[in-house]
Protein backbone atom coordinates (compact mmCIF):
# COMPACT_ATOMS: atom_id res chain seq x y z
CA MET A 1 -25.10 28.61 24.33
CA VAL A 2 -27.76 26.02 25.04
CA GLY A 3 -29.24 26.07 28.49
CA GLN A 4 -30.79 23.24 30.49
CA GLY A 5 -34.26 22.36 29.25
CA GLN A 6 -33.96 24.65 26.22
CA GLN A 7 -35.63 23.39 23.04
CA VAL A 8 -33.30 23.04 20.02
CA ARG A 9 -34.71 22.97 16.51
CA GLN A 10 -33.57 20.24 14.14
CA ALA A 11 -31.44 22.37 11.79
CA GLU A 12 -30.12 24.76 14.44
CA LEU A 13 -26.33 25.11 14.50
CA LEU A 14 -24.99 24.45 18.00
CA ALA A 15 -21.26 24.54 17.40
CA ARG A 16 -18.81 25.23 14.62
CA ALA A 17 -15.28 23.85 14.64
CA THR A 18 -12.43 22.84 12.38
CA THR A 19 -10.70 19.49 12.76
CA ARG A 20 -7.14 19.09 11.57
CA ILE A 21 -5.47 15.70 11.37
CA PHE A 22 -1.69 15.59 11.10
CA PHE A 23 0.30 12.57 9.97
CA GLN A 24 3.72 12.93 11.57
CA ALA A 25 5.63 10.37 9.48
CA ASN A 26 8.04 11.76 6.93
CA GLN A 27 8.02 10.98 3.21
CA TRP A 28 10.41 8.02 3.54
CA VAL A 29 8.26 6.25 6.13
CA PHE A 30 5.16 6.88 4.01
CA THR A 31 6.91 5.58 0.88
CA GLY A 32 8.07 2.51 2.78
CA LEU A 33 4.55 1.77 3.98
CA VAL A 34 2.97 2.31 0.57
CA PHE A 35 5.39 0.18 -1.50
CA PRO A 36 6.73 -2.75 0.73
CA PHE A 37 3.32 -3.76 2.14
CA PRO A 38 1.96 -4.92 -1.24
CA ILE A 39 5.25 -6.78 -1.76
CA VAL A 40 4.90 -8.41 1.66
CA PHE A 41 1.29 -9.32 0.86
CA GLY A 42 2.41 -10.92 -2.41
CA LEU A 43 5.15 -12.88 -0.65
CA LEU A 44 2.69 -14.10 1.98
CA LEU A 45 0.24 -15.19 -0.71
CA GLN A 46 2.95 -16.90 -2.72
CA GLY A 47 4.39 -18.64 0.34
CA THR A 48 1.12 -19.88 1.82
CA GLY A 49 -1.37 -19.83 -1.04
CA LEU A 50 -3.94 -18.20 1.26
CA TRP A 51 -5.42 -14.77 0.56
CA THR A 52 -6.23 -14.33 4.24
CA THR A 53 -2.58 -14.16 5.23
CA CYS A 54 -2.64 -10.44 4.37
CA TRP A 55 -5.40 -9.90 6.95
CA MET A 56 -3.55 -12.05 9.47
CA PHE A 57 -0.42 -9.97 8.93
CA LEU A 58 -2.37 -6.72 9.40
CA ALA A 59 -4.07 -8.11 12.53
CA LEU A 60 -0.68 -9.10 13.96
CA LEU A 61 0.77 -5.69 13.10
CA ALA A 62 -2.20 -3.97 14.77
CA ALA A 63 -1.87 -6.14 17.90
CA VAL A 64 1.85 -5.42 18.17
CA SER A 65 1.24 -1.69 17.67
CA LEU A 66 -1.55 -1.65 20.26
CA THR A 67 0.61 -3.49 22.81
CA TRP A 68 3.54 -1.16 22.16
CA MET A 69 1.33 1.94 22.49
CA HIS A 70 -0.18 0.61 25.73
CA ARG A 71 3.24 0.00 27.28
CA VAL A 72 4.54 3.42 26.23
CA ILE A 73 1.48 5.22 27.63
CA ARG A 74 1.71 3.30 30.92
CA ARG A 75 5.40 4.18 31.20
CA MET A 76 4.67 7.85 30.49
CA MET A 77 1.85 7.88 33.06
CA HIS A 78 4.09 6.28 35.69
CA GLN A 79 6.77 8.91 35.08
CA GLN A 80 4.50 11.97 34.95
CA THR A 81 1.69 11.11 37.36
CA PRO A 82 2.63 8.15 39.56
CA GLU A 83 -0.09 8.91 42.14
CA LEU A 84 -2.81 8.82 39.48
CA MET A 85 -1.49 5.52 38.11
CA ARG A 86 -1.55 3.98 41.60
CA ARG A 87 -5.21 4.97 41.94
CA VAL A 88 -6.10 3.68 38.46
CA GLU A 89 -4.32 0.35 38.91
CA GLY A 90 -5.73 -0.20 42.40
CA PRO A 91 -4.07 -2.11 45.23
CA ARG A 92 -1.74 -4.91 44.22
CA SER A 93 -2.10 -8.25 45.91
């Protein structure tokens, strides 16, 4: 344990941990994401003639996912800790 004001050498190990990342989608969702997206990209390129439509599609997908996640988290917070959400959101005018 490192105390306040204690000197730490450059190569000194302070902590050791293991990080595990789990992807919760099943094999069918993974297969669907791996194979239809290139097809969608090809259709977008063929339809518009612009290579950037793939990036636009991914940006739109990310924006929709972010909005969806934000709404779900707000709903969960309102259900589980309504007092905390009232303090975070502040007074409504």
